[in-house]
Amino acid sequence: MNAVVFLVPVAVGLAAVFVILFLKAVKDGQFDDLDDPPRRILKD
């Protein structure tokens, strides 16, 4: 029981860190598609 009391908050904290880092990466444009727009210009 003592392990659960310790591990659950640690797991929730790690999940929160990963969510914050993911949202920061999305906000900074990490997942923007940079290859497709130049190719679309050439296809026209």
PDB file of N, CA and C in Angstrom:
ATOM      1  N   MET A   1       0.816  -1.189   0.000  1.00  0.00           N
ATOM      2  CA  MET A   1       0.000   0.000   0.000  1.00  0.00           C
ATOM      3  C   MET A   1       0.866   1.262   0.000  1.00  0.00           C
ATOM      4  N   ASN A   2       1.995   1.212   0.703  1.00  0.00           N
ATOM      5  CA  ASN A   2       2.856   2.378   0.749  1.00  0.00           C
ATOM      6  C   ASN A   2       3.433   2.704  -0.622  1.00  0.00           C
ATOM      7  N   ALA A   3       3.688   1.665  -1.412  1.00  0.00           N
ATOM      8  CA  ALA A   3       4.229   1.892  -2.751  1.00  0.00           C
ATOM      9  C   ALA A   3       3.214   2.593  -3.641  1.00  0.00           C
ATOM     10  N   VAL A   4       1.949   2.233  -3.524  1.00  0.00           N
ATOM     11  CA  VAL A   4       0.899   2.855  -4.331  1.00  0.00           C
ATOM     12  C   VAL A   4       0.768   4.332  -3.970  1.00  0.00           C
ATOM     13  N   VAL A   5       0.839   4.637  -2.715  1.00  0.00           N
ATOM     14  CA  VAL A   5       0.722   6.030  -2.263  1.00  0.00           C
ATOM     15  C   VAL A   5       1.866   6.858  -2.825  1.00  0.00           C
ATOM     16  N   PHE A   6       3.009   6.244  -3.027  1.00  0.00           N
ATOM     17  CA  PHE A   6       4.157   6.959  -3.578  1.00  0.00           C
ATOM     18  C   PHE A   6       4.123   6.993  -5.101  1.00  0.00           C
ATOM     19  N   LEU A   7       3.764   5.885  -5.743  1.00  0.00           N
ATOM     20  CA  LEU A   7       3.882   5.784  -7.199  1.00  0.00           C
ATOM     21  C   LEU A   7       2.770   6.505  -7.964  1.00  0.00           C
ATOM     22  N   VAL A   8       1.592   6.580  -7.418  1.00  0.00           N
ATOM     23  CA  VAL A   8       0.492   7.246  -8.132  1.00  0.00           C
ATOM     24  C   VAL A   8       0.783   8.738  -8.317  1.00  0.00           C
ATOM     25  N   PRO A   9       1.189   9.467  -7.304  1.00  0.00           N
ATOM     26  CA  PRO A   9       1.525  10.884  -7.550  1.00  0.00           C
ATOM     27  C   PRO A   9       2.721  11.065  -8.486  1.00  0.00           C
ATOM     28  N   VAL A  10       3.673  10.157  -8.421  1.00  0.00           N
ATOM     29  CA  VAL A  10       4.817  10.239  -9.333  1.00  0.00           C
ATOM     30  C   VAL A  10       4.348  10.040 -10.776  1.00  0.00           C
ATOM     31  N   ALA A  11       3.475   9.071 -10.997  1.00  0.00           N
ATOM     32  CA  ALA A  11       2.957   8.823 -12.351  1.00  0.00           C
ATOM     33  C   ALA A  11       2.133  10.004 -12.855  1.00  0.00           C
ATOM     34  N   VAL A  12       1.325  10.577 -12.001  1.00  0.00           N
ATOM     35  CA  VAL A  12       0.513  11.730 -12.398  1.00  0.00           C
ATOM     36  C   VAL A  12       1.419  12.925 -12.702  1.00  0.00           C
ATOM     37  N   GLY A  13       2.450  13.106 -11.912  1.00  0.00           N
ATOM     38  CA  GLY A  13       3.394  14.193 -12.167  1.00  0.00           C
ATOM     39  C   GLY A  13       4.129  14.028 -13.483  1.00  0.00           C
ATOM     40  N   LEU A  14       4.577  12.809 -13.775  1.00  0.00           N
ATOM     41  CA  LEU A  14       5.249  12.561 -15.055  1.00  0.00           C
ATOM     42  C   LEU A  14       4.303  12.788 -16.230  1.00  0.00           C
ATOM     43  N   ALA A  15       3.071  12.349 -16.102  1.00  0.00           N
ATOM     44  CA  ALA A  15       2.089  12.564 -17.164  1.00  0.00           C
ATOM     45  C   ALA A  15       1.868  14.053 -17.394  1.00  0.00           C
ATOM     46  N   ALA A  16       1.797  14.818 -16.321  1.00  0.00           N
ATOM     47  CA  ALA A  16       1.602  16.267 -16.447  1.00  0.00           C
ATOM     48  C   ALA A  16       2.797  16.912 -17.145  1.00  0.00           C
ATOM     49  N   VAL A  17       4.006  16.467 -16.819  1.00  0.00           N
ATOM     50  CA  VAL A  17       5.202  17.012 -17.472  1.00  0.00           C
ATOM     51  C   VAL A  17       5.166  16.720 -18.968  1.00  0.00           C
ATOM     52  N   PHE A  18       4.808  15.489 -19.345  1.00  0.00           N
ATOM     53  CA  PHE A  18       4.766  15.140 -20.768  1.00  0.00           C
ATOM     54  C   PHE A  18       3.685  15.910 -21.509  1.00  0.00           C
ATOM     55  N   VAL A  19       2.552  16.128 -20.878  1.00  0.00           N
ATOM     56  CA  VAL A  19       1.488  16.907 -21.523  1.00  0.00           C
ATOM     57  C   VAL A  19       1.934  18.350 -21.716  1.00  0.00           C
ATOM     58  N   ILE A  20       2.577  18.925 -20.722  1.00  0.00           N
ATOM     59  CA  ILE A  20       3.059  20.307 -20.834  1.00  0.00           C
ATOM     60  C   ILE A  20       4.108  20.419 -21.941  1.00  0.00           C
ATOM     61  N   LEU A  21       5.030  19.455 -22.002  1.00  0.00           N
ATOM     62  CA  LEU A  21       6.050  19.496 -23.054  1.00  0.00           C
ATOM     63  C   LEU A  21       5.438  19.311 -24.441  1.00  0.00           C
ATOM     64  N   PHE A  22       4.431  18.446 -24.555  1.00  0.00           N
ATOM     65  CA  PHE A  22       3.760  18.247 -25.835  1.00  0.00           C
ATOM     66  C   PHE A  22       3.047  19.522 -26.279  1.00  0.00           C
ATOM     67  N   LEU A  23       2.339  20.166 -25.363  1.00  0.00           N
ATOM     68  CA  LEU A  23       1.636  21.404 -25.718  1.00  0.00           C
ATOM     69  C   LEU A  23       2.608  22.515 -26.091  1.00  0.00           C
ATOM     70  N   LYS A  24       3.756  22.566 -25.430  1.00  0.00           N
ATOM     71  CA  LYS A  24       4.780  23.561 -25.782  1.00  0.00           C
ATOM     72  C   LYS A  24       5.325  23.302 -27.181  1.00  0.00           C
ATOM     73  N   ALA A  25       5.541  22.033 -27.523  1.00  0.00           N
ATOM     74  CA  ALA A  25       6.041  21.695 -28.850  1.00  0.00           C
ATOM     75  C   ALA A  25       5.014  22.046 -29.924  1.00  0.00           C
ATOM     76  N   VAL A  26       3.752  21.804 -29.659  1.00  0.00           N
ATOM     77  CA  VAL A  26       2.703  22.161 -30.623  1.00  0.00           C
ATOM     78  C   VAL A  26       2.640  23.670 -30.796  1.00  0.00           C
ATOM     79  N   LYS A  27       2.741  24.404 -29.695  1.00  0.00           N
ATOM     80  CA  LYS A  27       2.678  25.873 -29.755  1.00  0.00           C
ATOM     81  C   LYS A  27       3.861  26.453 -30.527  1.00  0.00           C
ATOM     82  N   ASP A  28       5.033  25.831 -30.393  1.00  0.00           N
ATOM     83  CA  ASP A  28       6.229  26.322 -31.070  1.00  0.00           C
ATOM     84  C   ASP A  28       6.305  25.903 -32.531  1.00  0.00           C
ATOM     85  N   GLY A  29       5.352  25.105 -33.019  1.00  0.00           N
ATOM     86  CA  GLY A  29       5.334  24.714 -34.418  1.00  0.00           C
ATOM     87  C   GLY A  29       6.180  23.489 -34.734  1.00  0.00           C
ATOM     88  N   GLN A  30       6.460  22.685 -33.743  1.00  0.00           N
ATOM     89  CA  GLN A  30       7.290  21.495 -33.937  1.00  0.00           C
ATOM     90  C   GLN A  30       6.668  20.531 -34.947  1.00  0.00           C
ATOM     91  N   PHE A  31       5.348  20.476 -34.995  1.00  0.00           N
ATOM     92  CA  PHE A  31       4.668  19.490 -35.822  1.00  0.00           C
ATOM     93  C   PHE A  31       4.104  20.093 -37.104  1.00  0.00           C
ATOM     94  N   ASP A  32       4.505  21.305 -37.453  1.00  0.00           N
ATOM     95  CA  ASP A  32       4.043  21.907 -38.699  1.00  0.00           C
ATOM     96  C   ASP A  32       4.647  21.174 -39.888  1.00  0.00           C
ATOM     97  N   ASP A  33       3.879  21.097 -40.953  1.00  0.00           N
ATOM     98  CA  ASP A  33       4.330  20.417 -42.165  1.00  0.00           C
ATOM     99  C   ASP A  33       5.102  21.413 -43.033  1.00  0.00           C
ATOM    100  N   LEU A  34       6.405  21.246 -43.111  1.00  0.00           N
ATOM    101  CA  LEU A  34       7.230  22.177 -43.872  1.00  0.00           C
ATOM    102  C   LEU A  34       7.575  21.658 -45.267  1.00  0.00           C
ATOM    103  N   ASP A  35       7.370  20.377 -45.525  1.00  0.00           N
ATOM    104  CA  ASP A  35       7.748  19.797 -46.805  1.00  0.00           C
ATOM    105  C   ASP A  35       6.635  19.871 -47.844  1.00  0.00           C
ATOM    106  N   ASP A  36       5.407  19.780 -47.425  1.00  0.00           N
ATOM    107  CA  ASP A  36       4.307  19.685 -48.385  1.00  0.00           C
ATOM    108  C   ASP A  36       3.985  20.999 -49.101  1.00  0.00           C
ATOM    109  N   PRO A  37       3.982  22.165 -48.462  1.00  0.00           N
ATOM    110  CA  PRO A  37       3.635  23.388 -49.198  1.00  0.00           C
ATOM    111  C   PRO A  37       4.541  23.691 -50.400  1.00  0.00           C
ATOM    112  N   PRO A  38       5.866  23.526 -50.326  1.00  0.00           N
ATOM    113  CA  PRO A  38       6.662  23.770 -51.535  1.00  0.00           C
ATOM    114  C   PRO A  38       6.343  22.791 -52.662  1.00  0.00           C
ATOM    115  N   ARG A  39       6.015  21.581 -52.317  1.00  0.00           N
ATOM    116  CA  ARG A  39       5.661  20.602 -53.362  1.00  0.00           C
ATOM    117  C   ARG A  39       4.333  20.947 -54.013  1.00  0.00           C
ATOM    118  N   ARG A  40       3.404  21.522 -53.236  1.00  0.00           N
ATOM    119  CA  ARG A  40       2.111  21.919 -53.817  1.00  0.00           C
ATOM    120  C   ARG A  40       2.289  23.031 -54.837  1.00  0.00           C
ATOM    121  N   ILE A  41       3.229  23.918 -54.614  1.00  0.00           N
ATOM    122  CA  ILE A  41       3.473  24.992 -55.568  1.00  0.00           C
ATOM    123  C   ILE A  41       3.964  24.411 -56.886  1.00  0.00           C
ATOM    124  N   LEU A  42       4.824  23.409 -56.834  1.00  0.00           N
ATOM    125  CA  LEU A  42       5.363  22.810 -58.057  1.00  0.00           C
ATOM    126  C   LEU A  42       4.317  21.995 -58.808  1.00  0.00           C
ATOM    127  N   LYS A  43       3.319  21.466 -58.123  1.00  0.00           N
ATOM    128  CA  LYS A  43       2.287  20.662 -58.778  1.00  0.00           C
ATOM    129  C   LYS A  43       1.283  21.514 -59.538  1.00  0.00           C
ATOM    130  N   ASP A  44       1.182  22.799 -59.219  1.00  0.00           N
ATOM    131  CA  ASP A  44       0.197  23.653 -59.906  1.00  0.00           C
ATOM    132  C   ASP A  44       0.572  23.930 -61.329  1.00  0.00           C
TER     133      ASP A  44
END
